[in-house]
Amino acid sequence: MMRKRWAFLAFLAFLGIVTVGLLKPTLSPRPITIVLGVSKGGITDVIVRQYAELVSRELGQVIAIDNRPTDSGVEAAALVQGAAPDGRTLLAFSGAQHAALPAMRDVDYDALGGFSPVTTLFTLVNFLAVPQQSPASSVTDLIADGRNRPMGLVFGSSGLGSTSHLTAMKLAASTGTSIRPVHHAGAAAMIDALVSGELDFAFVSYAVAKPHVLAGRLRLLAVDADARWPDLPEIPTLREAGVEQEKVASWFGLAAPTGTADALIADLQAVFANAAKDPALIQVARESGAIISTSSPEELRSMLTLEVEATGWLVLTLGLRQ
């Protein structure tokens, strides 16, 4: 039956009735699962789901999303590393967190050796946010408040080793401010704690913070980027706000288990790169404070290698090893 289906599709392709994308010779017609180490509803989940829908249409097959936020995404990474290298189980991951966790503690995956990189997916812009009741109206105010408190500031992160965690720790180190982390299973839970006043600040994506900012429940003090975000030109960058620190990597990528055939990786990269051109995806990302971008597998491997080195140094310098 399967041979007949592929023969029929090949005949239709010859006639120009179906796209060549349906006939990727190395990709299995069985469902593909993209595993995410974050909970549903956050910007990473939203963008990956939209990618999945676009790729599903091109390939003509089901792509499922498996959210596994347990243990800051370690469960997700370990599951994909141990999966068959057949292109049917993929990991969408944060470059910073994927590289940082093995440096911070013992985990059940190898950040570099356990995976075959496919492509980058997007880059996320993070904003420093405080609850509306916070006395701080600027980053300078927030730092001064923290220095005056015996126990320092309490900040939220979307998970151990996440971009929000590492950026806050770098902020503390560069300003001499004492801070204490509260880790959450994803950005949605972190935002709830921030809005309620349980946290003094957090680095958040605009997509998650936007409804609370518009409702007056949160204020944005700065953006962790090289330039101001075009849609929010009134928000200064951290550097403009007086904080001199290197930006934590905020790119997200896609990988398969190590040992996946190069031809499979190439086909996967091609369909995701094609999906990245979709205007609706680009618009959703921009409105959420993200920039859609893809890379070659080789470029992603180089980026991940550099990130492993950089976060290893950061973890050592800040004493984050557990």
C-alpha atoms as a PDB file:
ATOM      1  CA  MET A   1       0.000   0.000   0.000  1.00  0.00           C
ATOM      2  CA  MET A   2       2.816   2.447   0.912  1.00  0.00           C
ATOM      3  CA  ARG A   3       4.639   1.750  -2.351  1.00  0.00           C
ATOM      4  CA  LYS A   4       1.433   2.449  -4.272  1.00  0.00           C
ATOM      5  CA  ARG A   5       0.989   5.747  -2.387  1.00  0.00           C
ATOM      6  CA  TRP A   6       4.501   6.937  -3.197  1.00  0.00           C
ATOM      7  CA  ALA A   7       4.182   5.793  -6.799  1.00  0.00           C
ATOM      8  CA  PHE A   8       0.922   7.745  -7.073  1.00  0.00           C
ATOM      9  CA  LEU A   9       2.507  10.853  -5.550  1.00  0.00           C
ATOM     10  CA  ALA A  10       5.444  10.566  -7.925  1.00  0.00           C
ATOM     11  CA  PHE A  11       3.029  10.359 -10.870  1.00  0.00           C
ATOM     12  CA  LEU A  12       1.158  13.440  -9.625  1.00  0.00           C
ATOM     13  CA  ALA A  13       4.438  15.303  -9.188  1.00  0.00           C
ATOM     14  CA  PHE A  14       5.347  14.435 -12.766  1.00  0.00           C
ATOM     15  CA  LEU A  15       2.056  15.985 -13.832  1.00  0.00           C
ATOM     16  CA  GLY A  16       2.729  19.063 -11.667  1.00  0.00           C
ATOM     17  CA  ILE A  17      -0.263  18.386  -9.400  1.00  0.00           C
ATOM     18  CA  VAL A  18       1.642  18.112  -6.106  1.00  0.00           C
ATOM     19  CA  THR A  19       4.764  19.863  -4.874  1.00  0.00           C
ATOM     20  CA  VAL A  20       8.174  18.318  -4.787  1.00  0.00           C
ATOM     21  CA  GLY A  21       8.184  18.906  -1.018  1.00  0.00           C
ATOM     22  CA  LEU A  22       5.879  15.918  -0.628  1.00  0.00           C
ATOM     23  CA  LEU A  23       8.502  13.700  -2.156  1.00  0.00           C
ATOM     24  CA  LYS A  24      11.526  14.258   0.075  1.00  0.00           C
ATOM     25  CA  PRO A  25      13.103  10.855  -0.517  1.00  0.00           C
ATOM     26  CA  THR A  26      14.787  10.547   2.869  1.00  0.00           C
ATOM     27  CA  LEU A  27      11.897  11.657   5.097  1.00  0.00           C
ATOM     28  CA  SER A  28       9.593   8.997   6.501  1.00  0.00           C
ATOM     29  CA  PRO A  29       5.861   9.426   5.731  1.00  0.00           C
ATOM     30  CA  ARG A  30       5.166   8.557   9.369  1.00  0.00           C
ATOM     31  CA  PRO A  31       4.435  11.368  11.898  1.00  0.00           C
ATOM     32  CA  ILE A  32       7.250  13.599  13.123  1.00  0.00           C
ATOM     33  CA  THR A  33       7.385  14.710  16.758  1.00  0.00           C
ATOM     34  CA  ILE A  34       9.035  17.948  17.862  1.00  0.00           C
ATOM     35  CA  VAL A  35       9.862  17.801  21.560  1.00  0.00           C
ATOM     36  CA  LEU A  36       9.946  21.058  23.523  1.00  0.00           C
ATOM     37  CA  GLY A  37      11.391  21.568  26.984  1.00  0.00           C
ATOM     38  CA  VAL A  38       8.875  24.318  27.775  1.00  0.00           C
ATOM     39  CA  SER A  39       5.199  24.406  28.693  1.00  0.00           C
ATOM     40  CA  LYS A  40       2.375  25.282  26.309  1.00  0.00           C
ATOM     41  CA  GLY A  41       1.429  28.885  25.596  1.00  0.00           C
ATOM     42  CA  GLY A  42       4.818  30.628  25.693  1.00  0.00           C
ATOM     43  CA  ILE A  43       6.377  32.284  22.672  1.00  0.00           C
ATOM     44  CA  THR A  44       8.692  29.333  21.977  1.00  0.00           C
ATOM     45  CA  ASP A  45       5.716  26.985  21.933  1.00  0.00           C
ATOM     46  CA  VAL A  46       3.667  29.325  19.722  1.00  0.00           C
ATOM     47  CA  ILE A  47       6.403  29.832  17.121  1.00  0.00           C
ATOM     48  CA  VAL A  48       7.399  26.155  16.989  1.00  0.00           C
ATOM     49  CA  ARG A  49       3.756  25.144  16.535  1.00  0.00           C
ATOM     50  CA  GLN A  50       3.407  27.559  13.627  1.00  0.00           C
ATOM     51  CA  TYR A  51       6.589  26.186  12.061  1.00  0.00           C
ATOM     52  CA  ALA A  52       5.182  22.673  12.523  1.00  0.00           C
ATOM     53  CA  GLU A  53       1.935  23.565  10.793  1.00  0.00           C
ATOM     54  CA  LEU A  54       3.774  25.020   7.796  1.00  0.00           C
ATOM     55  CA  VAL A  55       6.138  22.057   7.482  1.00  0.00           C
ATOM     56  CA  SER A  56       3.240  19.642   7.891  1.00  0.00           C
ATOM     57  CA  ARG A  57       1.500  21.244   4.940  1.00  0.00           C
ATOM     58  CA  GLU A  58       4.598  21.022   2.762  1.00  0.00           C
ATOM     59  CA  LEU A  59       5.336  17.400   3.609  1.00  0.00           C
ATOM     60  CA  GLY A  60       1.729  16.256   3.736  1.00  0.00           C
ATOM     61  CA  GLN A  61       2.229  14.448   7.037  1.00  0.00           C
ATOM     62  CA  VAL A  62       1.423  14.920  10.702  1.00  0.00           C
ATOM     63  CA  ILE A  63       3.842  16.827  12.956  1.00  0.00           C
ATOM     64  CA  ALA A  64       3.074  16.532  16.664  1.00  0.00           C
ATOM     65  CA  ILE A  65       4.343  18.789  19.458  1.00  0.00           C
ATOM     66  CA  ASP A  66       5.382  17.142  22.724  1.00  0.00           C
ATOM     67  CA  ASN A  67       5.786  19.653  25.580  1.00  0.00           C
ATOM     68  CA  ARG A  68       8.072  18.337  28.331  1.00  0.00           C
ATOM     69  CA  PRO A  69       8.995  21.229  30.656  1.00  0.00           C
ATOM     70  CA  THR A  70      10.052  18.876  33.460  1.00  0.00           C
ATOM     71  CA  ASP A  71      13.493  19.524  34.934  1.00  0.00           C
ATOM     72  CA  SER A  72      14.115  22.701  32.910  1.00  0.00           C
ATOM     73  CA  GLY A  73      13.976  20.816  29.616  1.00  0.00           C
ATOM     74  CA  VAL A  74      16.443  18.081  30.569  1.00  0.00           C
ATOM     75  CA  GLU A  75      13.761  15.415  30.061  1.00  0.00           C
ATOM     76  CA  ALA A  76      13.061  16.718  26.551  1.00  0.00           C
ATOM     77  CA  ALA A  77      16.721  16.754  25.521  1.00  0.00           C
ATOM     78  CA  ALA A  78      17.394  13.303  26.974  1.00  0.00           C
ATOM     79  CA  LEU A  79      14.351  11.854  25.211  1.00  0.00           C
ATOM     80  CA  VAL A  80      15.454  13.129  21.800  1.00  0.00           C
ATOM     81  CA  GLN A  81      19.082  12.121  22.325  1.00  0.00           C
ATOM     82  CA  GLY A  82      17.916   8.569  22.994  1.00  0.00           C
ATOM     83  CA  ALA A  83      15.473   8.422  20.074  1.00  0.00           C
ATOM     84  CA  ALA A  84      16.112   6.569  16.830  1.00  0.00           C
ATOM     85  CA  PRO A  85      18.108   8.711  14.346  1.00  0.00           C
ATOM     86  CA  ASP A  86      15.417   8.478  11.675  1.00  0.00           C
ATOM     87  CA  GLY A  87      14.330  12.126  11.457  1.00  0.00           C
ATOM     88  CA  ARG A  88      11.026  11.468  13.221  1.00  0.00           C
ATOM     89  CA  THR A  89      11.950  12.849  16.665  1.00  0.00           C
ATOM     90  CA  LEU A  90      13.368  16.378  16.861  1.00  0.00           C
ATOM     91  CA  LEU A  91      14.290  18.782  19.652  1.00  0.00           C
ATOM     92  CA  ALA A  92      13.456  22.503  19.574  1.00  0.00           C
ATOM     93  CA  PHE A  93      15.702  24.130  22.143  1.00  0.00           C
ATOM     94  CA  SER A  94      17.119  27.324  23.611  1.00  0.00           C
ATOM     95  CA  GLY A  95      20.799  27.580  22.743  1.00  0.00           C
ATOM     96  CA  ALA A  96      21.706  29.153  26.081  1.00  0.00           C
ATOM     97  CA  GLN A  97      19.786  26.699  28.254  1.00  0.00           C
ATOM     98  CA  HIS A  98      20.760  23.617  26.253  1.00  0.00           C
ATOM     99  CA  ALA A  99      24.425  24.534  26.639  1.00  0.00           C
ATOM    100  CA  ALA A 100      24.237  25.800  30.225  1.00  0.00           C
ATOM    101  CA  LEU A 101      22.512  22.914  31.990  1.00  0.00           C
ATOM    102  CA  PRO A 102      25.312  20.332  31.502  1.00  0.00           C
ATOM    103  CA  ALA A 103      27.753  22.927  32.858  1.00  0.00           C
ATOM    104  CA  MET A 104      25.553  23.607  35.889  1.00  0.00           C
ATOM    105  CA  ARG A 105      24.901  20.026  36.977  1.00  0.00           C
ATOM    106  CA  ASP A 106      24.909  16.419  35.856  1.00  0.00           C
ATOM    107  CA  VAL A 107      22.274  15.820  33.172  1.00  0.00           C
ATOM    108  CA  ASP A 108      21.252  12.893  30.974  1.00  0.00           C
ATOM    109  CA  TYR A 109      22.329  14.401  27.662  1.00  0.00           C
ATOM    110  CA  ASP A 110      25.432  15.627  25.853  1.00  0.00           C
ATOM    111  CA  ALA A 111      24.814  19.140  24.506  1.00  0.00           C
ATOM    112  CA  LEU A 112      27.116  18.641  21.524  1.00  0.00           C
ATOM    113  CA  GLY A 113      27.752  14.918  21.088  1.00  0.00           C
ATOM    114  CA  GLY A 114      24.151  13.834  21.548  1.00  0.00           C
ATOM    115  CA  PHE A 115      22.632  15.782  18.651  1.00  0.00           C
ATOM    116  CA  SER A 116      22.813  16.492  14.940  1.00  0.00           C
ATOM    117  CA  PRO A 117      22.005  20.200  14.411  1.00  0.00           C
ATOM    118  CA  VAL A 118      19.400  21.050  11.769  1.00  0.00           C
ATOM    119  CA  THR A 119      18.783  24.816  11.755  1.00  0.00           C
ATOM    120  CA  THR A 120      18.164  27.848  13.910  1.00  0.00           C
ATOM    121  CA  LEU A 121      14.487  28.802  14.176  1.00  0.00           C
ATOM    122  CA  PHE A 122      14.328  32.277  15.702  1.00  0.00           C
ATOM    123  CA  THR A 123      15.985  34.771  18.016  1.00  0.00           C
ATOM    124  CA  LEU A 124      14.078  36.109  21.006  1.00  0.00           C
ATOM    125  CA  VAL A 125      14.347  39.606  22.436  1.00  0.00           C
ATOM    126  CA  ASN A 126      13.948  39.819  26.224  1.00  0.00           C
ATOM    127  CA  PHE A 127      12.784  42.767  28.283  1.00  0.00           C
ATOM    128  CA  LEU A 128      13.504  43.547  31.919  1.00  0.00           C
ATOM    129  CA  ALA A 129      10.073  43.806  33.544  1.00  0.00           C
ATOM    130  CA  VAL A 130       8.874  44.777  37.010  1.00  0.00           C
ATOM    131  CA  PRO A 131       5.406  44.567  38.589  1.00  0.00           C
ATOM    132  CA  GLN A 132       3.331  47.730  38.537  1.00  0.00           C
ATOM    133  CA  GLN A 133       3.681  48.127  42.303  1.00  0.00           C
ATOM    134  CA  SER A 134       7.486  48.215  42.064  1.00  0.00           C
ATOM    135  CA  PRO A 135       9.041  51.522  43.209  1.00  0.00           C
ATOM    136  CA  ALA A 136      11.584  51.258  40.364  1.00  0.00           C
ATOM    137  CA  SER A 137      10.952  53.375  37.297  1.00  0.00           C
ATOM    138  CA  SER A 138      14.361  52.621  35.757  1.00  0.00           C
ATOM    139  CA  VAL A 139      17.095  50.000  35.858  1.00  0.00           C
ATOM    140  CA  THR A 140      19.136  52.369  38.026  1.00  0.00           C
ATOM    141  CA  ASP A 141      16.268  52.518  40.542  1.00  0.00           C
ATOM    142  CA  LEU A 142      15.954  48.728  40.576  1.00  0.00           C
ATOM    143  CA  ILE A 143      19.661  48.205  41.225  1.00  0.00           C
ATOM    144  CA  ALA A 144      19.672  50.841  43.985  1.00  0.00           C
ATOM    145  CA  ASP A 145      16.671  49.145  45.604  1.00  0.00           C
ATOM    146  CA  GLY A 146      18.455  45.797  45.512  1.00  0.00           C
ATOM    147  CA  ARG A 147      21.610  47.191  47.076  1.00  0.00           C
ATOM    148  CA  ASN A 148      19.592  48.620  49.955  1.00  0.00           C
ATOM    149  CA  ARG A 149      17.952  45.304  50.812  1.00  0.00           C
ATOM    150  CA  PRO A 150      19.746  42.898  53.152  1.00  0.00           C
ATOM    151  CA  MET A 151      18.478  39.906  51.138  1.00  0.00           C
ATOM    152  CA  GLY A 152      18.686  41.601  47.749  1.00  0.00           C
ATOM    153  CA  LEU A 153      16.149  41.251  44.925  1.00  0.00           C
ATOM    154  CA  VAL A 154      14.069  38.206  44.026  1.00  0.00           C
ATOM    155  CA  PHE A 155      13.898  37.469  40.311  1.00  0.00           C
ATOM    156  CA  GLY A 156      12.057  34.887  38.265  1.00  0.00           C
ATOM    157  CA  SER A 157      13.323  32.622  35.534  1.00  0.00           C
ATOM    158  CA  SER A 158      11.542  30.333  33.104  1.00  0.00           C
ATOM    159  CA  GLY A 159      13.836  27.487  34.150  1.00  0.00           C
ATOM    160  CA  LEU A 160      17.308  26.689  35.411  1.00  0.00           C
ATOM    161  CA  GLY A 161      19.904  27.785  32.863  1.00  0.00           C
ATOM    162  CA  SER A 162      17.348  29.624  30.728  1.00  0.00           C
ATOM    163  CA  THR A 163      18.152  32.913  29.020  1.00  0.00           C
ATOM    164  CA  SER A 164      16.090  34.729  31.651  1.00  0.00           C
ATOM    165  CA  HIS A 165      18.126  33.061  34.409  1.00  0.00           C
ATOM    166  CA  LEU A 166      21.569  33.687  32.901  1.00  0.00           C
ATOM    167  CA  THR A 167      20.795  37.282  31.895  1.00  0.00           C
ATOM    168  CA  ALA A 168      19.657  38.141  35.423  1.00  0.00           C
ATOM    169  CA  MET A 169      22.772  36.552  36.925  1.00  0.00           C
ATOM    170  CA  LYS A 170      24.972  38.572  34.589  1.00  0.00           C
ATOM    171  CA  LEU A 171      23.056  41.716  35.576  1.00  0.00           C
ATOM    172  CA  ALA A 172      23.776  40.982  39.239  1.00  0.00           C
ATOM    173  CA  ALA A 173      27.457  40.305  38.577  1.00  0.00           C
ATOM    174  CA  SER A 174      27.993  43.433  36.471  1.00  0.00           C
ATOM    175  CA  THR A 175      26.201  45.759  38.930  1.00  0.00           C
ATOM    176  CA  GLY A 176      27.193  44.206  42.243  1.00  0.00           C
ATOM    177  CA  THR A 177      23.571  43.567  43.176  1.00  0.00           C
ATOM    178  CA  SER A 178      22.501  40.623  45.335  1.00  0.00           C
ATOM    179  CA  ILE A 179      19.694  38.595  43.749  1.00  0.00           C
ATOM    180  CA  ARG A 180      17.902  35.314  44.480  1.00  0.00           C
ATOM    181  CA  PRO A 181      16.299  33.159  41.758  1.00  0.00           C
ATOM    182  CA  VAL A 182      12.904  31.511  41.726  1.00  0.00           C
ATOM    183  CA  HIS A 183      12.732  29.025  38.857  1.00  0.00           C
ATOM    184  CA  HIS A 184       9.440  28.242  37.123  1.00  0.00           C
ATOM    185  CA  ALA A 185       8.301  25.609  34.633  1.00  0.00           C
ATOM    186  CA  GLY A 186       8.015  28.036  31.744  1.00  0.00           C
ATOM    187  CA  ALA A 187       7.386  31.722  31.127  1.00  0.00           C
ATOM    188  CA  ALA A 188       3.638  31.677  31.825  1.00  0.00           C
ATOM    189  CA  ALA A 189       4.089  30.624  35.459  1.00  0.00           C
ATOM    190  CA  MET A 190       6.905  33.142  35.872  1.00  0.00           C
ATOM    191  CA  ILE A 191       4.741  35.988  34.582  1.00  0.00           C
ATOM    192  CA  ASP A 192       1.943  35.119  37.027  1.00  0.00           C
ATOM    193  CA  ALA A 193       4.405  35.334  39.922  1.00  0.00           C
ATOM    194  CA  LEU A 194       5.794  38.624  38.612  1.00  0.00           C
ATOM    195  CA  VAL A 195       2.367  40.221  38.217  1.00  0.00           C
ATOM    196  CA  SER A 196       1.354  39.166  41.722  1.00  0.00           C
ATOM    197  CA  GLY A 197       4.415  40.867  43.202  1.00  0.00           C
ATOM    198  CA  GLU A 198       6.097  37.664  44.375  1.00  0.00           C
ATOM    199  CA  LEU A 199       9.090  38.653  42.223  1.00  0.00           C
ATOM    200  CA  ASP A 200      10.930  41.958  42.011  1.00  0.00           C
ATOM    201  CA  PHE A 201      11.848  41.575  38.348  1.00  0.00           C
ATOM    202  CA  ALA A 202      12.303  39.129  35.489  1.00  0.00           C
ATOM    203  CA  PHE A 203      13.564  39.042  31.925  1.00  0.00           C
ATOM    204  CA  VAL A 204      10.586  38.197  29.739  1.00  0.00           C
ATOM    205  CA  SER A 205       9.588  38.007  26.100  1.00  0.00           C
ATOM    206  CA  TYR A 206       7.279  40.740  24.897  1.00  0.00           C
ATOM    207  CA  ALA A 207       4.684  38.184  23.789  1.00  0.00           C
ATOM    208  CA  VAL A 208       4.202  36.947  27.338  1.00  0.00           C
ATOM    209  CA  ALA A 209       4.433  40.388  28.956  1.00  0.00           C
ATOM    210  CA  LYS A 210       2.402  42.366  26.396  1.00  0.00           C
ATOM    211  CA  PRO A 211      -1.148  41.845  27.757  1.00  0.00           C
ATOM    212  CA  HIS A 212       0.027  42.666  31.277  1.00  0.00           C
ATOM    213  CA  VAL A 213       1.899  45.762  30.073  1.00  0.00           C
ATOM    214  CA  LEU A 214      -1.164  46.992  28.196  1.00  0.00           C
ATOM    215  CA  ALA A 215      -3.330  46.344  31.273  1.00  0.00           C
ATOM    216  CA  GLY A 216      -0.897  48.265  33.484  1.00  0.00           C
ATOM    217  CA  ARG A 217       0.141  45.261  35.560  1.00  0.00           C
ATOM    218  CA  LEU A 218       3.782  45.270  34.408  1.00  0.00           C
ATOM    219  CA  ARG A 219       6.324  47.890  33.358  1.00  0.00           C
ATOM    220  CA  LEU A 220       9.248  47.369  30.998  1.00  0.00           C
ATOM    221  CA  LEU A 221      12.478  49.054  32.079  1.00  0.00           C
ATOM    222  CA  ALA A 222      14.938  47.915  29.388  1.00  0.00           C
ATOM    223  CA  VAL A 223      15.478  45.549  26.469  1.00  0.00           C
ATOM    224  CA  ASP A 224      18.367  43.075  26.324  1.00  0.00           C
ATOM    225  CA  ALA A 225      19.395  43.809  22.743  1.00  0.00           C
ATOM    226  CA  ASP A 226      21.977  45.687  20.747  1.00  0.00           C
ATOM    227  CA  ALA A 227      19.361  48.228  19.646  1.00  0.00           C
ATOM    228  CA  ARG A 228      15.940  49.370  20.769  1.00  0.00           C
ATOM    229  CA  TRP A 229      13.041  47.214  19.588  1.00  0.00           C
ATOM    230  CA  PRO A 230      11.313  49.076  16.697  1.00  0.00           C
ATOM    231  CA  ASP A 231       7.826  48.551  18.093  1.00  0.00           C
ATOM    232  CA  LEU A 232       8.845  49.944  21.509  1.00  0.00           C
ATOM    233  CA  PRO A 233      11.320  52.741  20.744  1.00  0.00           C
ATOM    234  CA  GLU A 234      10.795  54.347  24.146  1.00  0.00           C
ATOM    235  CA  ILE A 235      12.347  51.370  25.995  1.00  0.00           C
ATOM    236  CA  PRO A 236      16.146  51.756  26.357  1.00  0.00           C
ATOM    237  CA  THR A 237      18.623  48.939  25.894  1.00  0.00           C
ATOM    238  CA  LEU A 238      20.401  47.634  28.988  1.00  0.00           C
ATOM    239  CA  ARG A 239      23.554  49.394  27.848  1.00  0.00           C
ATOM    240  CA  GLU A 240      21.686  52.682  27.465  1.00  0.00           C
ATOM    241  CA  ALA A 241      20.287  52.104  30.949  1.00  0.00           C
ATOM    242  CA  GLY A 242      23.824  51.984  32.328  1.00  0.00           C
ATOM    243  CA  VAL A 243      24.430  48.221  32.437  1.00  0.00           C
ATOM    244  CA  GLU A 244      27.618  47.083  30.714  1.00  0.00           C
ATOM    245  CA  GLN A 245      27.380  43.352  30.099  1.00  0.00           C
ATOM    246  CA  GLU A 246      27.636  40.931  27.216  1.00  0.00           C
ATOM    247  CA  LYS A 247      24.304  39.770  25.878  1.00  0.00           C
ATOM    248  CA  VAL A 248      23.277  36.191  26.657  1.00  0.00           C
ATOM    249  CA  ALA A 249      22.526  34.182  23.493  1.00  0.00           C
ATOM    250  CA  SER A 250      18.800  34.138  22.815  1.00  0.00           C
ATOM    251  CA  TRP A 251      18.588  31.987  19.701  1.00  0.00           C
ATOM    252  CA  PHE A 252      16.504  28.816  19.435  1.00  0.00           C
ATOM    253  CA  GLY A 253      17.344  25.874  17.247  1.00  0.00           C
ATOM    254  CA  LEU A 254      16.238  22.484  15.975  1.00  0.00           C
ATOM    255  CA  ALA A 255      18.228  19.254  16.286  1.00  0.00           C
ATOM    256  CA  ALA A 256      17.881  15.525  15.642  1.00  0.00           C
ATOM    257  CA  PRO A 257      19.560  12.663  17.519  1.00  0.00           C
ATOM    258  CA  THR A 258      23.212  12.162  16.706  1.00  0.00           C
ATOM    259  CA  GLY A 259      23.749   9.657  13.924  1.00  0.00           C
ATOM    260  CA  THR A 260      20.906  11.011  11.793  1.00  0.00           C
ATOM    261  CA  ALA A 261      21.931  10.741   8.144  1.00  0.00           C
ATOM    262  CA  ASP A 262      23.270  13.899   6.508  1.00  0.00           C
ATOM    263  CA  ALA A 263      20.696  13.577   3.723  1.00  0.00           C
ATOM    264  CA  LEU A 264      17.886  13.515   6.287  1.00  0.00           C
ATOM    265  CA  ILE A 265      19.311  16.566   8.056  1.00  0.00           C
ATOM    266  CA  ALA A 266      19.557  18.400   4.726  1.00  0.00           C
ATOM    267  CA  ASP A 267      15.935  17.658   3.861  1.00  0.00           C
ATOM    268  CA  LEU A 268      14.744  18.756   7.293  1.00  0.00           C
ATOM    269  CA  GLN A 269      16.741  21.963   7.072  1.00  0.00           C
ATOM    270  CA  ALA A 270      15.275  22.688   3.639  1.00  0.00           C
ATOM    271  CA  VAL A 271      11.626  22.363   4.688  1.00  0.00           C
ATOM    272  CA  PHE A 272      12.089  24.455   7.844  1.00  0.00           C
ATOM    273  CA  ALA A 273      14.018  27.116   5.916  1.00  0.00           C
ATOM    274  CA  ASN A 274      11.162  27.270   3.433  1.00  0.00           C
ATOM    275  CA  ALA A 275       8.623  27.591   6.262  1.00  0.00           C
ATOM    276  CA  ALA A 276      10.637  30.495   7.702  1.00  0.00           C
ATOM    277  CA  LYS A 277       9.718  32.598   4.641  1.00  0.00           C
ATOM    278  CA  ASP A 278       6.017  32.555   5.548  1.00  0.00           C
ATOM    279  CA  PRO A 279       4.801  36.172   6.093  1.00  0.00           C
ATOM    280  CA  ALA A 280       2.327  35.172   8.804  1.00  0.00           C
ATOM    281  CA  LEU A 281       5.042  33.408  10.801  1.00  0.00           C
ATOM    282  CA  ILE A 282       7.365  36.406  10.470  1.00  0.00           C
ATOM    283  CA  GLN A 283       4.596  38.765  11.592  1.00  0.00           C
ATOM    284  CA  VAL A 284       3.600  36.658  14.606  1.00  0.00           C
ATOM    285  CA  ALA A 285       7.230  36.508  15.659  1.00  0.00           C
ATOM    286  CA  ARG A 286       7.745  40.248  15.330  1.00  0.00           C
ATOM    287  CA  GLU A 287       4.623  41.019  17.351  1.00  0.00           C
ATOM    288  CA  SER A 288       6.005  38.693  20.008  1.00  0.00           C
ATOM    289  CA  GLY A 289       9.468  40.233  20.146  1.00  0.00           C
ATOM    290  CA  ALA A 290      11.195  37.564  18.074  1.00  0.00           C
ATOM    291  CA  ILE A 291      13.022  37.445  14.754  1.00  0.00           C
ATOM    292  CA  ILE A 292      12.670  34.432  12.459  1.00  0.00           C
ATOM    293  CA  SER A 293      16.024  33.174  11.217  1.00  0.00           C
ATOM    294  CA  THR A 294      17.435  29.923   9.863  1.00  0.00           C
ATOM    295  CA  SER A 295      20.932  28.569   9.353  1.00  0.00           C
ATOM    296  CA  SER A 296      22.767  25.658   7.834  1.00  0.00           C
ATOM    297  CA  PRO A 297      23.412  22.622  10.064  1.00  0.00           C
ATOM    298  CA  GLU A 298      27.117  23.525  10.070  1.00  0.00           C
ATOM    299  CA  GLU A 299      26.408  27.088  11.188  1.00  0.00           C
ATOM    300  CA  LEU A 300      24.186  25.845  14.005  1.00  0.00           C
ATOM    301  CA  ARG A 301      26.873  23.418  15.163  1.00  0.00           C
ATOM    302  CA  SER A 302      29.382  26.277  15.314  1.00  0.00           C
ATOM    303  CA  MET A 303      26.921  28.442  17.244  1.00  0.00           C
ATOM    304  CA  LEU A 304      26.209  25.662  19.722  1.00  0.00           C
ATOM    305  CA  THR A 305      29.916  24.929  20.178  1.00  0.00           C
ATOM    306  CA  LEU A 306      30.583  28.590  20.972  1.00  0.00           C
ATOM    307  CA  GLU A 307      27.619  28.653  23.353  1.00  0.00           C
ATOM    308  CA  VAL A 308      28.866  25.607  25.257  1.00  0.00           C
ATOM    309  CA  GLU A 309      32.221  27.343  25.719  1.00  0.00           C
ATOM    310  CA  ALA A 310      30.667  30.695  26.700  1.00  0.00           C
ATOM    311  CA  THR A 311      28.136  29.322  29.154  1.00  0.00           C
ATOM    312  CA  GLY A 312      30.708  26.993  30.668  1.00  0.00           C
ATOM    313  CA  TRP A 313      32.849  30.034  31.445  1.00  0.00           C
ATOM    314  CA  LEU A 314      29.799  31.950  32.750  1.00  0.00           C
ATOM    315  CA  VAL A 315      28.710  29.132  35.052  1.00  0.00           C
ATOM    316  CA  LEU A 316      32.237  28.827  36.416  1.00  0.00           C
ATOM    317  CA  THR A 317      32.696  32.582  36.870  1.00  0.00           C
ATOM    318  CA  LEU A 318      29.349  33.118  38.599  1.00  0.00           C
ATOM    319  CA  GLY A 319      29.610  29.968  40.708  1.00  0.00           C
ATOM    320  CA  LEU A 320      26.414  28.444  39.311  1.00  0.00           C
ATOM    321  CA  ARG A 321      27.563  24.811  39.362  1.00  0.00           C
ATOM    322  CA  GLN A 322      25.222  22.783  41.559  1.00  0.00           C
END
